[in-house]
């Protein structure tokens, strides 16, 4: 994983992390993962 100078995870790594978490996390975490996924898509 690569971190940007502003302290955030690099866009590509964040997208990949969210995708992988959606594959394995329980549905009770889906709202937060969806929020993160939306953040990924806004920056692309």
N, C-alpha and C. Protein backbone atom coordinates (compact mmCIF):
# COMPACT_ATOMS: atom_id res chain seq x y z
N UNK A 1 0.82 -1.17 0.00
CA UNK A 1 0.00 0.00 0.00
C UNK A 1 0.87 1.25 0.00
N UNK A 2 0.39 2.25 -0.67
CA UNK A 2 1.12 3.50 -0.76
C UNK A 2 0.31 4.62 -0.12
N UNK A 3 0.96 5.41 0.68
CA UNK A 3 0.32 6.55 1.34
C UNK A 3 0.71 7.83 0.62
N UNK A 4 -0.24 8.71 0.44
CA UNK A 4 0.00 10.00 -0.21
C UNK A 4 0.65 10.95 0.79
N UNK A 5 1.17 12.06 0.29
CA UNK A 5 1.79 13.07 1.14
C UNK A 5 0.81 13.67 2.14
N UNK A 6 -0.48 13.68 1.81
CA UNK A 6 -1.49 14.23 2.71
C UNK A 6 -1.93 13.24 3.79
N UNK A 7 -1.31 12.08 3.82
CA UNK A 7 -1.60 11.09 4.85
C UNK A 7 -2.71 10.11 4.51
N UNK A 8 -3.30 10.25 3.32
CA UNK A 8 -4.37 9.34 2.91
C UNK A 8 -3.79 8.22 2.06
N UNK A 9 -4.52 7.12 2.05
CA UNK A 9 -4.12 5.97 1.23
C UNK A 9 -4.26 6.33 -0.24
N UNK A 10 -3.32 5.89 -1.04
CA UNK A 10 -3.37 6.15 -2.48
C UNK A 10 -4.70 5.66 -3.04
N UNK A 11 -5.23 6.39 -4.01
CA UNK A 11 -6.55 6.10 -4.57
C UNK A 11 -6.71 4.66 -5.03
N UNK A 12 -5.76 4.16 -5.78
CA UNK A 12 -5.85 2.79 -6.29
C UNK A 12 -5.86 1.78 -5.15
N UNK A 13 -5.01 2.00 -4.14
CA UNK A 13 -4.95 1.09 -3.01
C UNK A 13 -6.22 1.14 -2.18
N UNK A 14 -6.79 2.33 -2.02
CA UNK A 14 -8.05 2.46 -1.28
C UNK A 14 -9.17 1.71 -2.00
N UNK A 15 -9.24 1.87 -3.31
CA UNK A 15 -10.27 1.17 -4.09
C UNK A 15 -10.13 -0.34 -3.96
N UNK A 16 -8.91 -0.83 -4.06
CA UNK A 16 -8.66 -2.27 -3.96
C UNK A 16 -8.99 -2.78 -2.56
N UNK A 17 -8.63 -2.03 -1.54
CA UNK A 17 -8.92 -2.42 -0.16
C UNK A 17 -10.43 -2.52 0.07
N UNK A 18 -11.16 -1.52 -0.38
CA UNK A 18 -12.62 -1.53 -0.21
C UNK A 18 -13.22 -2.72 -0.95
N UNK A 19 -12.75 -2.96 -2.17
CA UNK A 19 -13.28 -4.09 -2.95
C UNK A 19 -13.07 -5.41 -2.23
N UNK A 20 -11.87 -5.60 -1.70
CA UNK A 20 -11.57 -6.85 -0.98
C UNK A 20 -12.38 -6.98 0.30
N UNK A 21 -12.54 -5.88 1.01
CA UNK A 21 -13.33 -5.92 2.25
C UNK A 21 -14.79 -6.24 1.97
N UNK A 22 -15.33 -5.70 0.89
CA UNK A 22 -16.71 -6.02 0.53
C UNK A 22 -16.90 -7.51 0.27
N UNK A 23 -15.84 -8.17 -0.20
CA UNK A 23 -15.91 -9.61 -0.48
C UNK A 23 -15.95 -10.45 0.80
N UNK A 24 -15.37 -9.94 1.89
CA UNK A 24 -15.23 -10.78 3.08
C UNK A 24 -15.96 -10.28 4.33
N UNK A 25 -16.32 -9.02 4.37
CA UNK A 25 -16.95 -8.47 5.58
C UNK A 25 -18.42 -8.83 5.68
N UNK A 26 -18.90 -8.85 6.90
CA UNK A 26 -20.31 -9.11 7.15
C UNK A 26 -21.14 -7.93 6.64
N UNK A 27 -22.40 -8.20 6.41
CA UNK A 27 -23.26 -7.16 5.84
C UNK A 27 -23.47 -5.97 6.77
N UNK A 28 -23.24 -6.13 8.08
CA UNK A 28 -23.43 -5.00 8.98
C UNK A 28 -22.37 -3.93 8.79
N UNK A 29 -21.33 -4.21 8.04
CA UNK A 29 -20.31 -3.21 7.72
C UNK A 29 -20.50 -2.61 6.34
N UNK A 30 -21.51 -3.05 5.64
CA UNK A 30 -21.66 -2.64 4.24
C UNK A 30 -21.93 -1.15 4.09
N UNK A 31 -22.61 -0.53 5.04
CA UNK A 31 -22.88 0.91 4.92
C UNK A 31 -21.58 1.71 4.92
N UNK A 32 -20.69 1.40 5.84
CA UNK A 32 -19.42 2.12 5.91
C UNK A 32 -18.56 1.83 4.69
N UNK A 33 -18.55 0.59 4.24
CA UNK A 33 -17.77 0.25 3.06
C UNK A 33 -18.35 0.94 1.82
N UNK A 34 -19.65 1.07 1.76
CA UNK A 34 -20.27 1.78 0.64
C UNK A 34 -19.87 3.25 0.65
N UNK A 35 -19.80 3.83 1.84
CA UNK A 35 -19.38 5.22 1.97
C UNK A 35 -17.94 5.38 1.46
N UNK A 36 -17.07 4.47 1.87
CA UNK A 36 -15.69 4.50 1.39
C UNK A 36 -15.61 4.29 -0.11
N UNK A 37 -16.42 3.40 -0.62
CA UNK A 37 -16.43 3.15 -2.04
C UNK A 37 -16.86 4.39 -2.82
N UNK A 38 -17.84 5.10 -2.28
CA UNK A 38 -18.29 6.35 -2.91
C UNK A 38 -17.16 7.37 -2.92
N UNK A 39 -16.41 7.43 -1.85
CA UNK A 39 -15.26 8.36 -1.78
C UNK A 39 -14.24 7.99 -2.84
N UNK A 40 -14.02 6.70 -3.04
CA UNK A 40 -13.06 6.25 -4.07
C UNK A 40 -13.53 6.69 -5.45
N UNK A 41 -14.80 6.51 -5.72
CA UNK A 41 -15.33 6.82 -7.03
C UNK A 41 -15.35 8.32 -7.31
N UNK A 42 -15.54 9.15 -6.29
CA UNK A 42 -15.55 10.59 -6.47
C UNK A 42 -14.19 11.11 -6.89
N UNK A 43 -13.13 10.51 -6.39
CA UNK A 43 -11.78 11.00 -6.65
C UNK A 43 -11.24 10.53 -7.99
N UNK A 44 -11.84 9.54 -8.59
CA UNK A 44 -11.32 9.01 -9.86
C UNK A 44 -11.66 9.92 -11.01
